[in-house]
Amino acid sequence: MNALVIRLRRSGHVPVLAAAACTVVLLLVGSLYSSNFLSVDYLLLQLQIASFLGIIATGAMLVILLGGIDLSVPWLVTVGGVMSAAAAGWWGDAGAALAIPSASPAALCSGWSTASAWPTCACPR
């Protein structure tokens, strides 16, 4: 057992294993509170939510790696979520079809204003 621990420390994978262990612990604790927590449907729903956030995080990472920095991503996700929920609440079943088109203009306006203001600010590059 000591040899395994020493090899893990040298390899640098300890944070990855710690995150995996925490995930397993959280899944087990969650299953104590709800019998449906470990069901396939619920886990697939959680993976859908995580994939959406992963796509957004990948886009933000590419913006930062290519030399820019865009801190408006969380705000745009929040505005898009609020506008989508409002569209679904106001228009019922038709709101699902109108959710993305109603949030897209706000995101476009914010992105355009950020991109047009960036060259004029005295921010270090």
Protein backbone atom coordinates (compact mmCIF):
# COMPACT_ATOMS: atom_id res chain seq x y z
CA MET A 1 0.00 0.00 0.00
CA ASN A 2 2.86 2.39 0.80
CA ALA A 3 4.41 1.79 -2.62
CA LEU A 4 1.11 2.72 -4.27
CA VAL A 5 0.83 5.94 -2.27
CA ILE A 6 4.41 6.88 -3.10
CA ARG A 7 3.84 6.21 -6.81
CA LEU A 8 0.68 8.35 -6.78
CA ARG A 9 2.46 11.25 -5.12
CA ARG A 10 5.29 11.12 -7.64
CA SER A 11 2.94 10.90 -10.62
CA GLY A 12 1.03 14.06 -9.69
CA HIS A 13 -2.39 12.41 -9.99
CA VAL A 14 -3.34 12.94 -6.34
CA PRO A 15 -5.69 15.89 -7.05
CA VAL A 16 -7.49 13.90 -9.75
CA LEU A 17 -7.94 10.93 -7.44
CA ALA A 18 -9.09 13.21 -4.62
CA ALA A 19 -11.72 14.75 -6.90
CA ALA A 20 -12.90 11.30 -7.98
CA ALA A 21 -13.11 10.15 -4.36
CA CYS A 22 -15.11 13.26 -3.40
CA THR A 23 -17.49 12.59 -6.30
CA VAL A 24 -18.08 9.02 -5.14
CA VAL A 25 -18.66 10.21 -1.56
CA LEU A 26 -21.15 12.84 -2.76
CA LEU A 27 -23.01 10.25 -4.83
CA LEU A 28 -23.25 7.92 -1.85
CA VAL A 29 -24.43 10.68 0.50
CA GLY A 30 -26.99 11.85 -2.07
CA SER A 31 -28.33 8.32 -2.42
CA LEU A 32 -29.01 8.26 1.31
CA TYR A 33 -31.37 11.22 0.97
CA SER A 34 -33.20 10.16 -2.17
CA SER A 35 -33.78 6.71 -3.57
CA ASN A 36 -33.86 8.10 -7.14
CA PHE A 37 -30.51 9.84 -6.81
CA LEU A 38 -28.53 7.02 -8.43
CA SER A 39 -31.13 6.25 -11.09
CA VAL A 40 -30.04 6.28 -14.71
CA ASP A 41 -32.51 9.04 -15.65
CA TYR A 42 -31.28 11.38 -12.90
CA LEU A 43 -27.61 10.76 -13.67
CA LEU A 44 -28.22 11.39 -17.40
CA LEU A 45 -29.97 14.66 -16.51
CA GLN A 46 -26.96 15.71 -14.45
CA LEU A 47 -24.64 14.85 -17.33
CA GLN A 48 -26.74 17.00 -19.68
CA ILE A 49 -26.41 19.96 -17.33
CA ALA A 50 -22.68 19.36 -16.91
CA SER A 51 -22.16 19.11 -20.68
CA PHE A 52 -23.81 22.50 -21.20
CA LEU A 53 -21.52 24.11 -18.63
CA GLY A 54 -18.53 22.24 -20.07
CA ILE A 55 -19.17 23.70 -23.53
CA ILE A 56 -19.33 27.21 -22.05
CA ALA A 57 -16.15 26.62 -20.03
CA THR A 58 -14.36 25.37 -23.16
CA GLY A 59 -15.30 28.54 -25.03
CA ALA A 60 -14.11 30.73 -22.15
CA MET A 61 -10.84 28.77 -21.98
CA LEU A 62 -10.23 29.31 -25.70
CA VAL A 63 -10.86 33.05 -25.37
CA ILE A 64 -8.37 33.29 -22.52
CA LEU A 65 -5.75 31.13 -24.28
CA LEU A 66 -6.00 33.18 -27.47
CA GLY A 67 -4.95 36.31 -25.64
CA GLY A 68 -8.20 37.87 -24.54
CA ILE A 69 -10.13 37.65 -21.35
CA ASP A 70 -13.87 37.64 -21.13
CA LEU A 71 -15.35 37.77 -17.65
CA SER A 72 -18.88 38.28 -18.93
CA VAL A 73 -19.57 34.58 -19.58
CA PRO A 74 -21.21 33.84 -16.18
CA TRP A 75 -23.35 36.95 -16.51
CA LEU A 76 -24.48 36.00 -20.00
CA VAL A 77 -25.37 32.50 -18.84
CA THR A 78 -27.41 34.00 -16.00
CA VAL A 79 -29.20 36.49 -18.27
CA GLY A 80 -29.88 33.75 -20.81
CA GLY A 81 -31.28 31.46 -18.12
CA VAL A 82 -33.51 34.17 -16.67
CA MET A 83 -34.79 35.22 -20.09
CA SER A 84 -35.39 31.59 -21.10
CA ALA A 85 -37.29 30.90 -17.89
CA ALA A 86 -39.31 34.08 -18.37
CA ALA A 87 -40.16 33.09 -21.96
CA ALA A 88 -41.21 29.63 -20.82
CA GLY A 89 -43.30 31.12 -18.01
CA TRP A 90 -45.01 33.75 -20.15
CA TRP A 91 -45.74 31.63 -23.21
CA GLY A 92 -46.12 28.14 -21.75
CA ASP A 93 -45.27 25.33 -24.15
CA ALA A 94 -44.36 27.77 -26.90
CA GLY A 95 -41.79 29.27 -24.52
CA ALA A 96 -39.51 26.28 -25.04
CA ALA A 97 -39.29 27.13 -28.73
CA LEU A 98 -38.89 30.86 -27.98
CA ALA A 99 -36.38 30.52 -25.13
CA ILE A 100 -33.18 30.58 -27.18
CA PRO A 101 -34.31 33.26 -29.66
CA SER A 102 -35.38 35.50 -26.77
CA ALA A 103 -32.02 35.20 -24.97
CA SER A 104 -29.78 35.42 -28.04
CA PRO A 105 -30.27 39.17 -28.70
CA ALA A 106 -29.18 40.01 -25.15
CA ALA A 107 -26.05 37.89 -25.55
CA LEU A 108 -25.28 39.45 -28.94
CA CYS A 109 -25.68 42.99 -27.57
CA SER A 110 -23.44 42.26 -24.62
CA GLY A 111 -20.77 40.61 -26.76
CA TRP A 112 -20.86 43.41 -29.31
CA SER A 113 -20.55 46.11 -26.64
CA THR A 114 -17.67 44.28 -24.96
CA ALA A 115 -15.84 43.77 -28.25
CA SER A 116 -16.31 47.38 -29.36
CA ALA A 117 -15.24 48.82 -25.99
CA TRP A 118 -12.12 46.63 -25.63
CA PRO A 119 -9.85 48.51 -28.07
CA THR A 120 -10.59 51.85 -26.41
CA CYS A 121 -9.90 50.81 -22.81
CA ALA A 122 -6.47 51.13 -21.27
CA CYS A 123 -6.31 47.45 -20.29
CA PRO A 124 -2.96 45.68 -20.50
CA ARG A 125 -2.75 42.99 -23.14
